[in-house]
Amino acid sequence: MPITTAANRHDSRPPSLLTRDHLPFAVGAVALVTLGAFENRATMTVLPTVARDLDGLWLFGAASAAPLVSFVLATVVAGAWADHRGPVRPLQAGMGVFVVSQVLMAFSPGMALFTAGRLGSGVAEALMDVALTVLLARALPEALRAKVFAAFAAAWVLPSLLGPPIAGVLAEVWSWRSVFAIGVALLVPAWLLLRPSLRASTAQTGPSTRWTGQEHRAVRGAALAAVGLGALTAGGSLLGRTGTTRLLGVALVVAGLGLTAPAVRTVLPAGTLRLARGIPALVALRGLVAAAFGTAGSLLPLMLNTIHGLGPAAAGVSLTVTGLCWAAGSQLHGLDVVQRRVAAVRRLQIGFALIAAGILGPALTSLELLPVAPALVLWGVAGIGMGIVSPTLSTQLLRFAPVADQGRITAASSLTASVAQAVALAAAGALIAWQAPMLPGWLFAGVMASSAGVGAIGWAAARRAA
């Protein structure tokens, strides 16, 4: 008969985030996610004000899509970098780029330079997101990962509550430029909290390995995709101009599509575009949910400002609803009873259905067929759906991906989301540039209804994620 010792009893206990082995990483990672959440909510709140103040409303679509364009290349580089050198260095680089981009946006004299700062934000987000995901996979057992993803979503709660009103008040009372100083200030405590786990990860990282030919091809493909998306986004913004400028916009759109489509195929797992079962379908679903929820959410503050005359602080309430309901959905996803009794495919179907239904609220209020308050309630339903879908996709990808390929597959998933949302925002940006400065309600309603349709496609395709 085996002898049960105190050590055996300790080892048999279920893993917990509250132990010394896991708590430092969890706290530091959540702090960094909180920083990113505040930057996202604050920037999206003031972006309509920035565009009007810098006389660049025709570049609103480009400024919205810019982080996604740079994210495409940076995320592939970050994935390979994390696989070969460990996740610490890309995370540190992401923090540095974050500071530079915030300073650039704060002092931008025009919308073009502000959009360049947004490109830097995409690079920083890619480096930090991929590195944190790989750190999570290496630092925590599988049983704790869903809980940490839920904590990541919960980290959006406080920024969603405070970020939009703080940013809105600063923009109305003082200047929108002051908003970007807050992000830099918040990076310091996040860095201090994360340092212990970074030191531990550095000590465990093995020797670096050479990049494979496949990885070099992936980086080249991502670079071409980024150039193509940049051309597509810039061209869409120029379609609203006149004469030769419009012709240049058409040429850029055609060139962008020609570069993006073949380049993306070299980066994605085989079978992604045809929704092959398993990892390819999960990666494709990441793109669908980004195009549906991300595009509608990006235009929501501008719609409330334009159609209903709400100021930055009031329009930013939509972002508060987004963050709170997303966090609620992720907490629901992380419950043990949900994990045990609701299969992943079923969770995805429920989430996509909520997203498709919830986006109809903003679509109706764009046409003034529904008051703002009930429209935001419906938008909250979409946020709950996003909170269910996002961690489900993340946990399933980590579950299916071989350890050596976690960085690459995570990067491919993030890239797909960026490409899908960037293309959708480029199309929306072209409509905005065409109609600027007077933006009609049908424009927003059309974009929202299209986003709901993409969510319905995700619901139909979710069964292939098994």
Protein backbone atom coordinates (compact mmCIF):
# COMPACT_ATOMS: atom_id res chain seq x y z
CA MET A 1 0.00 0.00 0.00
CA PRO A 2 1.50 3.42 -0.96
CA ILE A 3 2.34 5.76 1.88
CA THR A 4 0.63 9.15 1.82
CA THR A 5 3.03 11.83 3.02
CA ALA A 6 2.50 15.51 3.66
CA ALA A 7 4.34 16.25 0.40
CA ASN A 8 2.07 13.87 -1.49
CA ARG A 9 -0.99 15.55 -0.05
CA HIS A 10 0.39 18.98 -1.00
CA ASP A 11 1.20 17.88 -4.56
CA SER A 12 -2.29 16.42 -4.98
CA ARG A 13 -3.99 19.73 -4.25
CA PRO A 14 -5.55 21.45 -7.27
CA PRO A 15 -3.42 24.30 -8.65
CA SER A 16 -4.23 27.80 -7.42
CA LEU A 17 -3.38 31.29 -8.63
CA LEU A 18 -2.80 32.34 -5.01
CA THR A 19 0.46 30.40 -4.59
CA ARG A 20 3.90 32.00 -4.66
CA ASP A 21 4.63 30.17 -7.92
CA HIS A 22 1.72 31.69 -9.83
CA LEU A 23 0.60 34.92 -8.11
CA PRO A 24 3.46 37.24 -9.21
CA PHE A 25 2.89 36.46 -12.87
CA ALA A 26 -0.89 36.77 -12.59
CA VAL A 27 -0.71 40.15 -10.85
CA GLY A 28 1.91 41.56 -13.21
CA ALA A 29 0.18 40.33 -16.34
CA VAL A 30 -3.20 41.66 -15.25
CA ALA A 31 -1.59 45.03 -14.46
CA LEU A 32 -0.16 45.25 -17.98
CA VAL A 33 -3.49 44.27 -19.53
CA THR A 34 -5.13 46.99 -17.43
CA LEU A 35 -2.69 49.52 -18.91
CA GLY A 36 -3.49 48.40 -22.44
CA ALA A 37 -7.20 48.54 -21.68
CA PHE A 38 -6.98 52.11 -20.42
CA GLU A 39 -5.01 53.21 -23.48
CA ASN A 40 -7.55 51.56 -25.78
CA ARG A 41 -10.60 53.03 -24.06
CA ALA A 42 -9.08 56.50 -23.71
CA THR A 43 -7.89 56.69 -27.32
CA MET A 44 -11.18 55.46 -28.79
CA THR A 45 -13.05 57.98 -26.63
CA VAL A 46 -11.12 61.02 -27.89
CA LEU A 47 -10.51 59.84 -31.48
CA PRO A 48 -13.59 61.59 -32.93
CA THR A 49 -12.52 64.81 -31.14
CA VAL A 50 -8.93 64.43 -32.39
CA ALA A 51 -10.12 63.92 -35.98
CA ARG A 52 -12.31 67.03 -35.91
CA ASP A 53 -9.73 69.16 -34.04
CA LEU A 54 -6.96 68.27 -36.49
CA ASP A 55 -9.31 68.68 -39.49
CA GLY A 56 -8.77 65.04 -40.38
CA LEU A 57 -12.17 63.36 -40.22
CA TRP A 58 -11.47 61.86 -43.63
CA LEU A 59 -8.58 59.99 -41.96
CA PHE A 60 -10.74 58.62 -39.14
CA GLY A 61 -10.87 55.18 -40.77
CA ALA A 62 -7.12 55.15 -41.32
CA ALA A 63 -6.43 56.18 -37.72
CA SER A 64 -8.79 53.47 -36.48
CA ALA A 65 -7.20 50.79 -38.66
CA ALA A 66 -3.55 51.88 -38.26
CA PRO A 67 -2.82 49.77 -35.14
CA LEU A 68 -4.26 46.74 -36.90
CA VAL A 69 -2.03 47.26 -39.94
CA SER A 70 1.20 47.38 -37.90
CA PHE A 71 -0.10 44.58 -35.67
CA VAL A 72 -0.10 42.26 -38.69
CA LEU A 73 3.68 42.35 -39.11
CA ALA A 74 4.60 42.82 -35.46
CA THR A 75 2.53 39.87 -34.28
CA VAL A 76 4.30 37.40 -36.59
CA VAL A 77 7.70 38.72 -35.57
CA ALA A 78 6.65 38.57 -31.91
CA GLY A 79 5.50 34.97 -32.21
CA ALA A 80 8.75 33.75 -33.77
CA TRP A 81 10.79 35.90 -31.39
CA ALA A 82 9.01 34.45 -28.34
CA ASP A 83 9.43 30.87 -29.58
CA HIS A 84 13.18 31.24 -30.20
CA ARG A 85 14.37 33.73 -27.58
CA GLY A 86 11.67 33.50 -24.93
CA PRO A 87 8.84 35.97 -24.29
CA VAL A 88 10.71 38.44 -22.07
CA ARG A 89 12.55 40.47 -24.72
CA PRO A 90 9.55 41.02 -26.98
CA LEU A 91 7.56 42.10 -23.93
CA GLN A 92 10.22 44.65 -22.97
CA ALA A 93 10.38 45.93 -26.55
CA GLY A 94 6.62 46.32 -26.59
CA MET A 95 6.74 48.49 -23.50
CA GLY A 96 9.36 50.74 -25.09
CA VAL A 97 7.40 51.17 -28.31
CA PHE A 98 4.29 51.91 -26.27
CA VAL A 99 5.96 54.92 -24.62
CA VAL A 100 7.23 56.30 -27.94
CA SER A 101 3.81 56.00 -29.62
CA GLN A 102 2.01 57.73 -26.74
CA VAL A 103 4.41 60.67 -26.83
CA LEU A 104 4.08 60.96 -30.61
CA MET A 105 0.28 61.09 -30.46
CA ALA A 106 0.31 63.61 -27.63
CA PHE A 107 2.39 66.10 -29.64
CA SER A 108 1.02 65.46 -33.14
CA PRO A 109 0.37 68.70 -35.08
CA GLY A 110 -1.76 66.93 -37.70
CA MET A 111 -3.86 63.83 -38.25
CA ALA A 112 -1.25 62.14 -40.45
CA LEU A 113 1.37 62.16 -37.68
CA PHE A 114 -1.24 61.08 -35.15
CA THR A 115 -2.03 58.11 -37.39
CA ALA A 116 1.69 57.26 -37.40
CA GLY A 117 1.55 57.17 -33.61
CA ARG A 118 -1.37 54.78 -33.89
CA LEU A 119 0.85 52.52 -36.01
CA GLY A 120 3.29 52.39 -33.10
CA SER A 121 0.46 51.43 -30.76
CA GLY A 122 -0.23 48.39 -32.93
CA VAL A 123 3.40 47.28 -32.74
CA ALA A 124 3.39 47.65 -28.95
CA GLU A 125 0.13 45.75 -28.60
CA ALA A 126 1.36 42.87 -30.76
CA LEU A 127 4.62 42.46 -28.87
CA MET A 128 2.96 42.59 -25.47
CA ASP A 129 -0.07 40.43 -26.32
CA VAL A 130 1.87 37.57 -27.88
CA ALA A 131 4.58 37.65 -25.22
CA LEU A 132 2.03 37.59 -22.39
CA THR A 133 0.17 34.66 -23.95
CA VAL A 134 3.36 32.63 -24.31
CA LEU A 135 4.38 33.56 -20.77
CA LEU A 136 1.01 32.34 -19.56
CA ALA A 137 1.34 29.02 -21.37
CA ARG A 138 4.82 28.46 -19.90
CA ALA A 139 4.16 29.74 -16.40
CA LEU A 140 0.77 28.23 -15.58
CA PRO A 141 -0.77 24.75 -15.74
CA GLU A 142 -3.65 24.26 -18.17
CA ALA A 143 -6.20 24.18 -15.31
CA LEU A 144 -5.44 27.83 -14.45
CA ARG A 145 -5.32 29.33 -17.94
CA ALA A 146 -9.06 29.92 -18.32
CA LYS A 147 -9.08 31.72 -14.98
CA VAL A 148 -6.25 34.03 -16.04
CA PHE A 149 -7.93 34.78 -19.35
CA ALA A 150 -11.01 35.66 -17.31
CA ALA A 151 -8.82 37.88 -15.13
CA PHE A 152 -7.49 39.57 -18.27
CA ALA A 153 -11.07 40.38 -19.23
CA ALA A 154 -11.83 41.56 -15.69
CA ALA A 155 -8.82 43.87 -15.96
CA TRP A 156 -10.86 45.85 -18.49
CA VAL A 157 -13.51 46.65 -15.90
CA LEU A 158 -11.80 49.56 -14.11
CA PRO A 159 -10.41 51.13 -17.33
CA SER A 160 -13.84 50.75 -18.93
CA LEU A 161 -15.47 52.46 -15.96
CA LEU A 162 -12.90 55.24 -15.55
CA GLY A 163 -11.09 55.48 -18.89
CA PRO A 164 -13.85 56.97 -21.07
CA PRO A 165 -15.13 59.54 -18.52
CA ILE A 166 -11.59 60.59 -17.55
CA ALA A 167 -10.52 60.89 -21.19
CA GLY A 168 -13.77 62.64 -22.12
CA VAL A 169 -13.53 65.18 -19.31
CA LEU A 170 -9.88 65.91 -20.07
CA ALA A 171 -10.73 66.42 -23.75
CA GLU A 172 -13.65 68.75 -22.95
CA VAL A 173 -12.09 70.73 -20.09
CA TRP A 174 -8.38 70.76 -20.92
CA SER A 175 -7.02 68.99 -24.03
CA TRP A 176 -7.21 65.57 -25.61
CA ARG A 177 -3.40 65.61 -25.73
CA SER A 178 -3.17 65.18 -21.97
CA VAL A 179 -4.91 61.80 -22.24
CA PHE A 180 -1.79 60.12 -23.62
CA ALA A 181 0.37 61.14 -20.67
CA ILE A 182 -1.73 58.92 -18.41
CA GLY A 183 -0.79 55.77 -20.33
CA VAL A 184 2.92 56.48 -19.93
CA ALA A 185 2.49 57.13 -16.19
CA LEU A 186 0.59 53.85 -15.70
CA LEU A 187 3.35 51.83 -17.38
CA VAL A 188 5.72 52.34 -14.42
CA PRO A 189 3.71 50.42 -11.77
CA ALA A 190 2.80 47.73 -14.32
CA TRP A 191 6.50 47.21 -15.08
CA LEU A 192 7.42 47.03 -11.40
CA LEU A 193 4.75 44.42 -10.73
CA LEU A 194 5.85 42.29 -13.66
CA ARG A 195 9.60 42.34 -13.01
CA PRO A 196 9.75 39.29 -10.67
CA SER A 197 8.04 37.00 -13.15
CA LEU A 198 10.17 38.35 -16.01
CA ARG A 199 13.34 37.54 -14.07
CA ALA A 200 12.08 34.04 -13.37
CA SER A 201 11.19 33.48 -17.01
CA THR A 202 14.59 34.74 -18.16
CA ALA A 203 16.33 32.27 -15.85
CA GLN A 204 14.31 29.39 -17.35
CA THR A 205 14.76 30.35 -21.00
CA GLY A 206 16.99 27.97 -22.93
CA PRO A 207 19.48 28.87 -25.65
CA SER A 208 18.08 30.66 -28.67
CA THR A 209 17.59 28.75 -31.91
CA ARG A 210 17.79 29.74 -35.55
CA TRP A 211 14.68 30.85 -37.35
CA THR A 212 13.40 28.29 -39.82
CA GLY A 213 12.76 28.92 -43.48
CA GLN A 214 9.04 28.71 -42.78
CA GLU A 215 9.31 31.48 -40.21
CA HIS A 216 11.28 33.71 -42.57
CA ARG A 217 8.57 33.18 -45.19
CA ALA A 218 5.92 34.01 -42.60
CA VAL A 219 7.64 37.31 -41.73
CA ARG A 220 7.97 38.21 -45.41
CA GLY A 221 4.32 37.34 -45.93
CA ALA A 222 3.29 39.44 -42.94
CA ALA A 223 5.37 42.36 -44.21
CA LEU A 224 3.64 42.20 -47.58
CA ALA A 225 0.28 41.91 -45.85
CA ALA A 226 1.05 44.97 -43.73
CA VAL A 227 2.07 46.96 -46.82
CA GLY A 228 -1.06 45.78 -48.60
CA LEU A 229 -3.32 46.68 -45.69
CA GLY A 230 -1.62 50.06 -45.39
CA ALA A 231 -2.25 50.73 -49.06
CA LEU A 232 -5.83 49.52 -48.77
CA THR A 233 -6.51 51.72 -45.74
CA ALA A 234 -4.85 54.80 -47.22
CA GLY A 235 -6.58 54.25 -50.55
CA GLY A 236 -9.97 53.96 -48.88
CA SER A 237 -9.41 57.29 -47.13
CA LEU A 238 -8.50 58.95 -50.44
CA LEU A 239 -11.63 57.73 -52.24
CA GLY A 240 -13.55 60.57 -50.66
CA ARG A 241 -11.31 63.22 -52.22
CA THR A 242 -11.58 64.55 -55.76
CA GLY A 243 -9.74 64.37 -59.08
CA THR A 244 -6.27 62.85 -59.18
CA THR A 245 -6.31 62.12 -55.46
CA ARG A 246 -9.33 59.85 -55.89
CA LEU A 247 -7.62 58.02 -58.75
CA LEU A 248 -4.61 57.48 -56.50
CA GLY A 249 -6.97 56.06 -53.89
CA VAL A 250 -8.40 53.58 -56.37
CA ALA A 251 -4.91 52.49 -57.39
CA LEU A 252 -3.89 52.00 -53.76
CA VAL A 253 -7.01 49.93 -53.02
CA VAL A 254 -6.34 47.65 -55.99
CA ALA A 255 -2.66 47.28 -55.07
CA GLY A 256 -3.55 46.69 -51.42
CA LEU A 257 -5.94 43.87 -52.23
CA GLY A 258 -3.40 42.35 -54.62
CA LEU A 259 -0.69 42.30 -51.94
CA THR A 260 -2.77 41.36 -48.91
CA ALA A 261 -4.63 38.29 -50.15
CA PRO A 262 -1.64 36.11 -51.22
CA ALA A 263 0.57 37.39 -48.39
CA VAL A 264 -1.89 36.43 -45.68
CA ARG A 265 -2.18 32.90 -47.02
CA THR A 266 1.53 32.29 -46.38
CA VAL A 267 1.14 33.11 -42.67
CA LEU A 268 -2.09 31.34 -41.79
CA PRO A 269 -2.29 27.64 -40.86
CA ALA A 270 -3.23 25.47 -43.81
CA GLY A 271 -6.98 25.27 -44.23
CA THR A 272 -7.83 28.54 -42.46
CA LEU A 273 -9.63 30.13 -45.39
CA ARG A 274 -11.82 27.05 -45.89
CA LEU A 275 -12.47 26.68 -42.15
CA ALA A 276 -10.88 23.25 -41.82
CA ARG A 277 -11.71 21.66 -38.47
CA GLY A 278 -9.55 22.34 -35.42
CA ILE A 279 -6.86 25.02 -35.34
CA PRO A 280 -7.60 26.45 -38.83
CA ALA A 281 -11.27 26.99 -37.96
CA LEU A 282 -10.35 28.55 -34.60
CA VAL A 283 -8.00 30.99 -36.34
CA ALA A 284 -10.66 31.86 -38.93
CA LEU A 285 -13.26 32.43 -36.21
CA ARG A 286 -10.89 34.88 -34.55
CA GLY A 287 -11.02 36.91 -37.76
CA LEU A 288 -14.80 36.77 -37.99
CA VAL A 289 -15.37 37.92 -34.42
CA ALA A 290 -12.88 40.77 -34.83
CA ALA A 291 -14.54 41.96 -38.03
CA ALA A 292 -18.00 41.80 -36.47
CA PHE A 293 -17.54 43.17 -32.96
CA GLY A 294 -14.40 45.26 -33.48
CA THR A 295 -15.68 47.21 -36.46
CA ALA A 296 -19.03 48.02 -34.88
CA GLY A 297 -17.36 49.06 -31.62
CA SER A 298 -14.83 51.29 -33.39
CA LEU A 299 -17.54 53.34 -35.08
CA LEU A 300 -19.93 53.50 -32.12
CA PRO A 301 -18.47 56.62 -30.38
CA LEU A 302 -18.30 58.50 -33.69
CA MET A 303 -21.91 57.56 -34.45
CA LEU A 304 -23.13 58.75 -31.04
CA ASN A 305 -21.22 62.00 -31.47
CA THR A 306 -22.43 62.60 -35.03
CA ILE A 307 -26.03 61.36 -35.01
CA HIS A 308 -27.01 62.10 -31.40
CA GLY A 309 -24.66 65.02 -30.64
CA LEU A 310 -23.05 63.42 -27.58
CA GLY A 311 -19.73 64.81 -26.34
CA PRO A 312 -16.60 62.68 -25.76
CA ALA A 313 -17.51 61.81 -22.17
CA ALA A 314 -21.10 60.81 -22.98
CA ALA A 315 -20.19 58.96 -26.18
CA GLY A 316 -17.48 57.13 -24.25
CA VAL A 317 -20.19 55.42 -22.21
CA SER A 318 -20.47 52.93 -25.09
CA LEU A 319 -16.89 51.87 -24.40
CA THR A 320 -17.70 51.46 -20.72
CA VAL A 321 -20.57 49.16 -21.65
CA THR A 322 -18.24 47.23 -23.95
CA GLY A 323 -15.62 46.59 -21.30
CA LEU A 324 -18.00 45.75 -18.47
CA CYS A 325 -20.10 43.33 -20.48
CA TRP A 326 -17.04 41.74 -22.10
CA ALA A 327 -15.64 41.14 -18.62
CA ALA A 328 -18.97 39.71 -17.44
CA GLY A 329 -19.02 37.29 -20.37
CA SER A 330 -15.45 36.18 -19.66
CA GLN A 331 -16.24 35.63 -16.00
CA LEU A 332 -19.21 33.53 -17.04
CA HIS A 333 -16.95 31.55 -19.38
CA GLY A 334 -14.42 30.95 -16.60
CA LEU A 335 -16.93 29.38 -14.18
CA ASP A 336 -16.10 25.74 -13.43
CA VAL A 337 -19.68 24.68 -14.07
CA VAL A 338 -19.62 26.29 -17.52
CA GLN A 339 -16.29 24.68 -18.36
CA ARG A 340 -17.60 21.25 -17.31
CA ARG A 341 -21.09 21.31 -18.77
CA VAL A 342 -20.95 23.52 -21.87
CA ALA A 343 -18.75 22.30 -24.70
CA ALA A 344 -16.45 24.76 -26.40
CA VAL A 345 -18.36 24.63 -29.69
CA ARG A 346 -21.60 25.38 -27.88
CA ARG A 347 -20.01 28.33 -26.07
CA LEU A 348 -18.83 29.72 -29.39
CA GLN A 349 -22.28 29.39 -30.93
CA ILE A 350 -23.91 31.15 -27.99
CA GLY A 351 -21.33 33.94 -28.07
CA PHE A 352 -21.61 34.60 -31.80
CA ALA A 353 -25.41 34.61 -31.58
CA LEU A 354 -25.28 37.25 -28.83
CA ILE A 355 -22.86 39.36 -30.86
CA ALA A 356 -25.02 39.27 -34.00
CA ALA A 357 -28.17 40.16 -32.07
CA GLY A 358 -26.56 42.85 -29.94
CA ILE A 359 -25.06 44.81 -32.84
CA LEU A 360 -28.57 45.46 -34.15
CA GLY A 361 -29.05 47.95 -31.29
CA PRO A 362 -26.47 50.46 -32.59
CA ALA A 363 -27.73 49.85 -36.15
CA LEU A 364 -31.26 50.89 -35.18
CA THR A 365 -30.18 53.92 -33.18
CA SER A 366 -28.05 55.06 -36.14
CA LEU A 367 -31.35 55.54 -37.99
CA GLU A 368 -32.96 57.01 -34.84
CA LEU A 369 -35.39 54.10 -34.73
CA LEU A 370 -34.30 53.22 -31.19
CA PRO A 371 -33.28 55.52 -28.30
CA VAL A 372 -29.66 55.50 -27.22
CA ALA A 373 -30.19 53.80 -23.84
CA PRO A 374 -31.88 50.59 -25.10
CA ALA A 375 -29.45 50.49 -28.01
CA LEU A 376 -26.55 50.43 -25.54
CA VAL A 377 -28.31 47.67 -23.58
CA LEU A 378 -28.35 45.58 -26.74
CA TRP A 379 -24.73 46.49 -27.37
CA GLY A 380 -24.00 45.14 -23.90
CA VAL A 381 -25.49 41.81 -25.01
CA ALA A 382 -22.94 41.78 -27.84
CA GLY A 383 -20.21 42.53 -25.27
CA ILE A 384 -21.23 39.49 -23.23
CA GLY A 385 -21.03 37.40 -26.37
CA MET A 386 -17.53 38.72 -27.08
CA GLY A 387 -16.54 37.88 -23.52
CA ILE A 388 -17.59 34.28 -24.13
CA VAL A 389 -16.10 33.87 -27.60
CA SER A 390 -12.68 35.44 -27.03
CA PRO A 391 -11.40 33.29 -24.11
CA THR A 392 -12.97 30.18 -25.63
CA LEU A 393 -10.93 30.67 -28.79
CA SER A 394 -7.76 31.40 -26.78
CA THR A 395 -8.04 28.36 -24.51
CA GLN A 396 -8.88 26.04 -27.41
CA LEU A 397 -5.89 27.25 -29.41
CA LEU A 398 -3.52 26.66 -26.49
CA ARG A 399 -5.11 23.27 -25.92
CA PHE A 400 -4.62 22.11 -29.52
CA ALA A 401 -1.29 23.80 -30.35
CA PRO A 402 2.01 21.93 -29.80
CA VAL A 403 4.16 23.64 -27.17
CA ALA A 404 6.90 24.51 -29.68
CA ASP A 405 4.38 26.23 -31.97
CA GLN A 406 2.31 28.15 -29.43
CA GLY A 407 3.91 31.47 -30.32
CA ARG A 408 3.47 30.97 -34.06
CA ILE A 409 -0.16 29.85 -33.81
CA THR A 410 -1.04 32.57 -31.33
CA ALA A 411 0.52 35.07 -33.72
CA ALA A 412 -1.44 33.63 -36.67
CA SER A 413 -4.65 33.95 -34.69
CA SER A 414 -3.93 37.56 -33.76
CA LEU A 415 -2.89 38.33 -37.33
CA THR A 416 -6.15 36.98 -38.69
CA ALA A 417 -8.12 39.18 -36.32
CA SER A 418 -6.10 42.24 -37.33
CA VAL A 419 -6.41 41.62 -41.06
CA ALA A 420 -10.15 40.99 -40.89
CA GLN A 421 -10.85 44.06 -38.79
CA ALA A 422 -8.45 46.24 -40.80
CA VAL A 423 -10.18 45.32 -44.07
CA ALA A 424 -13.58 46.01 -42.54
CA LEU A 425 -12.42 49.35 -41.12
CA ALA A 426 -10.83 50.28 -44.45
CA ALA A 427 -14.22 49.80 -46.11
CA ALA A 428 -15.96 51.80 -43.37
CA GLY A 429 -13.26 54.47 -43.58
CA ALA A 430 -13.83 54.79 -47.31
CA LEU A 431 -17.53 55.46 -46.66
CA ILE A 432 -16.66 58.03 -43.99
CA ALA A 433 -14.14 59.79 -46.26
CA TRP A 434 -16.71 59.81 -49.08
CA GLN A 435 -19.37 61.48 -46.92
CA ALA A 436 -17.20 63.63 -44.61
CA PRO A 437 -17.74 66.02 -42.96
CA MET A 438 -21.52 65.33 -42.98
CA LEU A 439 -22.01 61.68 -41.98
CA PRO A 440 -25.57 60.32 -42.46
CA GLY A 441 -27.22 57.72 -40.26
CA TRP A 442 -27.56 55.18 -43.06
CA LEU A 443 -23.77 54.99 -43.30
CA PHE A 444 -23.43 53.82 -39.70
CA ALA A 445 -26.49 51.57 -39.96
CA GLY A 446 -25.07 49.85 -43.02
CA VAL A 447 -21.73 49.17 -41.34
CA MET A 448 -23.44 47.87 -38.19
CA ALA A 449 -25.82 45.61 -40.12
CA SER A 450 -22.91 44.17 -42.10
CA SER A 451 -21.06 43.49 -38.84
CA ALA A 452 -24.10 41.64 -37.49
CA GLY A 453 -24.12 39.53 -40.65
CA VAL A 454 -20.48 38.57 -40.10
CA GLY A 455 -21.41 37.53 -36.56
CA ALA A 456 -24.11 35.27 -37.97
CA ILE A 457 -21.53 33.64 -40.25
CA GLY A 458 -19.39 32.98 -37.18
CA TRP A 459 -22.33 31.29 -35.47
CA ALA A 460 -22.80 28.98 -38.46
CA ALA A 461 -19.06 28.18 -38.67
CA ALA A 462 -18.49 27.59 -34.94
CA ARG A 463 -19.27 23.87 -35.19
CA ARG A 464 -16.03 23.39 -37.12
CA ALA A 465 -13.97 24.40 -34.06
CA ALA A 466 -14.30 20.95 -32.48
